[in-house]
Amino acid sequence: MIRVLLVEDEEHLALGLRFNLENAGYAVTLARTGAEALQRLEGEHFDLVLLDVMLPGGMDGFEIARTIRRQDNFVPIIMLTARGEQADRVSGIDSGADDYVTKPFDLEELLARVRGHLRRRVWSRREAASESGEDEPPSVLEFGGSRIDFQSLRAVTHSGEEVQLTWKEAMMMRLFSEKEGQVIPRAEFLEKVWGEPGTLETRTVDNFVLRLRKYFEPNPKRPQHILSVRGVGYRFVR
């Protein structure tokens, strides 16, 4: 059974979320402080974390997310917060969260986001294995002097600099590696990496490609590996 760690101190909301998540078929563990959440994560496996930003005990959701990532735990994290300013959303993503939902939120939308992140986690582990016939998908990609470790999300750029990729950046590169030489439509990135086909602008993909080119192309304006296919999407070559 899929296990969700719910980190929420507001009693009414916590109980309501747990009820609806369990009704959707998930096993839910409730933590009410950051310290309790980190203790749970240290000793147990979870498939997804729902993390409130404002928590008691001196540790907010941003710090908890950063701590989780420093421990090389790349479980999907969806932040829940009443603070909807853009700066807060950016802080959430920069701290290591995969998604950011502002209270009050629509329950069906939240459940859809949970399903989307879980689908992407399954895809990232299984699809490459099924296509290659291997038991596990390849964990390392090397090309043009660059190297990506999909387990740790760490990469070495073309210039030798070590960088920490976000989960979405790494999954985009994994999709590129699986379909090397093939044209990948933007819609496929949105479906497999974001899990939200039709709900995001394709410009989202373009912005991520610009970031990846800065990491892995000696001249991002004249890419050698991540190539544009006008009007369709992108193609990757080593």
Protein backbone atom coordinates (compact mmCIF):
# COMPACT_ATOMS: atom_id res chain seq x y z
CA MET A 1 0.00 0.00 0.00
CA ILE A 2 1.20 3.51 -0.81
CA ARG A 3 2.31 5.34 2.34
CA VAL A 4 1.82 9.08 2.85
CA LEU A 5 3.37 11.12 5.66
CA LEU A 6 1.05 14.01 6.56
CA VAL A 7 2.80 16.77 8.53
CA GLU A 8 0.08 19.10 9.84
CA ASP A 9 -0.55 20.54 13.31
CA GLU A 10 -4.03 21.97 12.67
CA GLU A 11 -6.19 19.22 14.17
CA HIS A 12 -9.36 19.67 12.12
CA LEU A 13 -7.49 19.85 8.81
CA ALA A 14 -5.17 16.98 9.71
CA LEU A 15 -8.01 14.63 10.57
CA GLY A 16 -10.00 15.62 7.49
CA LEU A 17 -7.04 15.09 5.18
CA ARG A 18 -6.18 11.77 6.77
CA PHE A 19 -9.76 10.57 6.37
CA ASN A 20 -9.91 11.52 2.69
CA LEU A 21 -6.46 10.13 1.89
CA GLU A 22 -7.29 6.85 3.58
CA ASN A 23 -10.61 6.80 1.75
CA ALA A 24 -8.61 7.13 -1.48
CA GLY A 25 -6.64 4.02 -0.57
CA TYR A 26 -3.47 5.43 1.00
CA ALA A 27 -1.92 4.47 4.33
CA VAL A 28 -1.46 7.74 6.24
CA THR A 29 0.91 8.52 9.10
CA LEU A 30 0.30 11.82 10.88
CA ALA A 31 3.10 13.95 12.34
CA ARG A 32 2.36 17.25 14.07
CA THR A 33 5.88 18.75 14.32
CA GLY A 34 8.96 18.89 12.15
CA ALA A 35 10.98 16.86 14.62
CA GLU A 36 8.37 14.10 14.63
CA ALA A 37 8.26 14.11 10.82
CA LEU A 38 12.03 13.78 10.48
CA GLN A 39 12.07 11.00 13.06
CA ARG A 40 9.42 9.12 11.10
CA LEU A 41 11.30 9.57 7.83
CA GLU A 42 14.50 8.32 9.38
CA GLY A 43 12.99 5.02 10.44
CA GLU A 44 10.19 4.39 7.93
CA HIS A 45 9.60 4.42 4.17
CA PHE A 46 7.08 6.83 2.68
CA ASP A 47 6.03 7.33 -0.94
CA LEU A 48 4.97 10.98 -0.53
CA VAL A 49 5.03 13.77 2.07
CA LEU A 50 2.29 16.37 2.54
CA LEU A 51 4.03 19.12 4.49
CA ASP A 52 2.48 22.18 6.14
CA VAL A 53 4.73 25.26 6.13
CA MET A 54 3.70 26.76 9.47
CA LEU A 55 4.45 24.25 12.23
CA PRO A 56 5.17 24.47 15.97
CA GLY A 57 8.50 23.58 17.49
CA GLY A 58 10.80 26.09 15.82
CA MET A 59 11.17 24.28 12.49
CA ASP A 60 8.99 25.33 9.56
CA GLY A 61 8.20 23.36 6.43
CA PHE A 62 10.96 25.01 4.41
CA GLU A 63 13.62 23.84 6.86
CA ILE A 64 12.10 20.36 7.04
CA ALA A 65 12.19 20.05 3.24
CA ARG A 66 15.81 21.20 3.13
CA THR A 67 16.73 18.68 5.83
CA ILE A 68 15.00 15.85 3.96
CA ARG A 69 16.94 16.68 0.79
CA ARG A 70 20.25 17.01 2.64
CA GLN A 71 19.71 13.45 3.80
CA ASP A 72 19.53 12.36 0.13
CA ASN A 73 15.86 11.47 0.51
CA PHE A 74 14.03 12.39 -2.70
CA VAL A 75 10.52 11.40 -1.67
CA PRO A 76 7.98 13.71 -3.40
CA ILE A 77 7.04 16.66 -1.15
CA ILE A 78 3.85 18.69 -1.56
CA MET A 79 3.76 21.79 0.65
CA LEU A 80 0.50 23.03 2.17
CA THR A 81 0.33 26.66 3.21
CA ALA A 82 -1.93 29.62 3.78
CA ARG A 83 0.84 31.87 2.42
CA GLY A 84 0.23 32.23 -1.29
CA GLU A 85 2.73 34.94 -2.20
CA GLN A 86 5.06 34.17 -5.10
CA ALA A 87 8.12 34.57 -2.86
CA ASP A 88 6.80 31.84 -0.57
CA ARG A 89 6.12 29.52 -3.49
CA VAL A 90 9.65 30.09 -4.77
CA SER A 91 11.05 29.44 -1.29
CA GLY A 92 9.11 26.19 -1.13
CA ILE A 93 10.45 24.93 -4.44
CA ASP A 94 13.99 26.11 -3.66
CA SER A 95 13.91 24.26 -0.35
CA GLY A 96 13.33 21.00 -2.21
CA ALA A 97 9.55 20.70 -2.44
CA ASP A 98 8.05 19.31 -5.64
CA ASP A 99 4.74 21.15 -5.43
CA TYR A 100 3.04 23.93 -3.49
CA VAL A 101 -0.70 24.08 -2.66
CA THR A 102 -2.26 27.17 -1.10
CA LYS A 103 -4.98 26.91 1.55
CA PRO A 104 -7.90 26.81 1.24
CA PHE A 105 -7.50 24.22 -1.49
CA ASP A 106 -9.91 22.05 -3.41
CA LEU A 107 -9.70 18.49 -2.09
CA GLU A 108 -10.09 16.88 -5.51
CA GLU A 109 -7.28 19.02 -6.90
CA LEU A 110 -4.99 18.04 -4.02
CA LEU A 111 -5.77 14.35 -4.52
CA ALA A 112 -5.09 14.75 -8.25
CA ARG A 113 -1.70 16.27 -7.48
CA VAL A 114 -0.93 13.41 -5.10
CA ARG A 115 -1.79 10.91 -7.83
CA GLY A 116 0.31 12.83 -10.34
CA HIS A 117 3.43 12.83 -8.18
CA LEU A 118 3.02 9.15 -7.36
CA ARG A 119 2.63 8.32 -11.07
CA ARG A 120 5.82 10.19 -11.88
CA ARG A 121 7.70 8.40 -9.11
CA VAL A 122 6.59 5.02 -10.48
CA TRP A 123 7.48 6.06 -14.02
CA SER A 124 10.94 7.29 -13.03
CA ARG A 125 11.78 3.88 -11.57
CA ARG A 126 10.02 1.48 -13.90
CA GLU A 127 9.64 2.81 -17.41
CA ALA A 128 13.31 2.79 -18.27
CA ALA A 129 13.61 -0.74 -16.94
CA SER A 130 10.67 -2.00 -19.01
CA GLU A 131 12.00 -0.42 -22.20
CA SER A 132 15.58 -1.62 -21.74
CA GLY A 133 14.70 -5.07 -20.39
CA GLU A 134 16.80 -4.42 -17.29
CA ASP A 135 15.72 -5.05 -13.72
CA GLU A 136 16.42 -1.43 -12.78
CA PRO A 137 16.60 1.70 -14.94
CA PRO A 138 20.11 3.01 -15.67
CA SER A 139 21.21 5.15 -12.75
CA VAL A 140 23.90 7.20 -14.53
CA LEU A 141 23.92 9.16 -17.79
CA GLU A 142 27.20 10.36 -19.32
CA PHE A 143 27.49 12.58 -22.39
CA GLY A 144 29.70 15.38 -23.69
CA GLY A 145 31.84 15.49 -20.56
CA SER A 146 28.78 15.71 -18.30
CA ARG A 147 27.53 13.10 -15.86
CA ILE A 148 24.16 12.70 -14.11
CA ASP A 149 23.47 10.35 -11.20
CA PHE A 150 19.72 9.74 -11.13
CA GLN A 151 19.84 8.20 -7.66
CA SER A 152 21.38 11.19 -5.87
CA LEU A 153 20.20 13.81 -8.43
CA ARG A 154 23.78 15.10 -8.50
CA ALA A 155 25.43 16.07 -11.76
CA VAL A 156 28.79 17.17 -13.11
CA THR A 157 28.41 19.82 -15.80
CA HIS A 158 30.41 20.16 -19.02
CA SER A 159 32.78 22.53 -17.17
CA GLY A 160 33.36 20.09 -14.30
CA GLU A 161 31.15 21.92 -11.81
CA GLU A 162 29.12 19.76 -9.43
CA VAL A 163 25.44 20.72 -9.17
CA GLN A 164 22.36 19.36 -7.41
CA LEU A 165 19.50 18.89 -9.85
CA THR A 166 15.88 19.26 -8.91
CA TRP A 167 13.71 16.19 -9.26
CA LYS A 168 12.02 17.58 -12.39
CA GLU A 169 15.35 18.48 -14.01
CA ALA A 170 16.62 14.96 -13.41
CA MET A 171 13.44 13.35 -14.71
CA MET A 172 13.56 15.46 -17.86
CA MET A 173 17.10 14.21 -18.48
CA ARG A 174 16.00 10.65 -17.77
CA LEU A 175 13.25 10.95 -20.37
CA PHE A 176 15.78 12.40 -22.82
CA SER A 177 18.13 9.47 -22.20
CA GLU A 178 15.37 6.88 -22.62
CA LYS A 179 14.33 8.36 -25.95
CA GLU A 180 17.75 9.36 -27.23
CA GLY A 181 17.55 10.48 -30.85
CA GLN A 182 13.75 10.63 -30.83
CA VAL A 183 11.63 13.76 -30.95
CA ILE A 184 9.82 14.23 -27.64
CA PRO A 185 6.76 16.52 -27.76
CA ARG A 186 6.38 19.09 -25.01
CA ALA A 187 3.08 17.44 -24.06
CA GLU A 188 4.93 14.22 -23.22
CA PHE A 189 7.19 16.08 -20.79
CA LEU A 190 4.15 17.65 -19.15
CA GLU A 191 2.48 14.26 -18.80
CA LYS A 192 5.43 12.24 -17.55
CA VAL A 193 7.44 14.78 -15.56
CA TRP A 194 4.69 17.10 -14.33
CA GLY A 195 1.79 14.66 -14.47
CA GLU A 196 -0.50 17.45 -15.63
CA PRO A 197 -1.08 17.23 -19.40
CA GLY A 198 -3.16 20.12 -20.66
CA THR A 199 -3.06 22.09 -17.40
CA LEU A 200 0.34 23.76 -17.79
CA GLU A 201 1.70 25.96 -20.54
CA THR A 202 4.27 24.35 -22.80
CA ARG A 203 6.52 27.30 -21.98
CA THR A 204 7.12 25.53 -18.66
CA VAL A 205 9.07 22.85 -20.53
CA ASP A 206 11.02 25.46 -22.49
CA ASN A 207 12.11 27.20 -19.28
CA PHE A 208 13.45 23.94 -17.85
CA VAL A 209 15.29 23.19 -21.09
CA LEU A 210 17.03 26.57 -20.85
CA ARG A 211 18.26 25.63 -17.37
CA LEU A 212 19.46 22.21 -18.51
CA ARG A 213 21.35 23.72 -21.41
CA LYS A 214 23.18 26.05 -19.03
CA TYR A 215 24.35 22.98 -17.12
CA PHE A 216 25.22 20.66 -19.98
CA GLU A 217 25.90 22.69 -23.12
CA PRO A 218 29.26 24.46 -23.64
CA ASN A 219 27.34 27.07 -25.64
CA PRO A 220 23.64 27.06 -24.64
CA LYS A 221 22.77 29.21 -27.66
CA ARG A 222 24.22 26.56 -29.98
CA PRO A 223 23.26 23.31 -28.24
CA GLN A 224 24.90 20.05 -29.23
CA HIS A 225 22.91 17.65 -27.06
CA ILE A 226 19.48 19.10 -26.21
CA LEU A 227 18.17 20.11 -29.61
CA SER A 228 14.99 22.02 -30.45
CA VAL A 229 12.51 20.64 -32.96
CA ARG A 230 10.51 23.65 -34.08
CA GLY A 231 6.83 23.51 -33.28
CA VAL A 232 7.05 20.09 -31.62
CA GLY A 233 9.52 19.67 -28.77
CA TYR A 234 13.08 18.48 -28.26
CA ARG A 235 15.54 15.76 -29.21
CA PHE A 236 18.55 14.53 -27.23
CA VAL A 237 21.81 13.26 -28.72
CA ARG A 238 25.03 12.37 -26.95
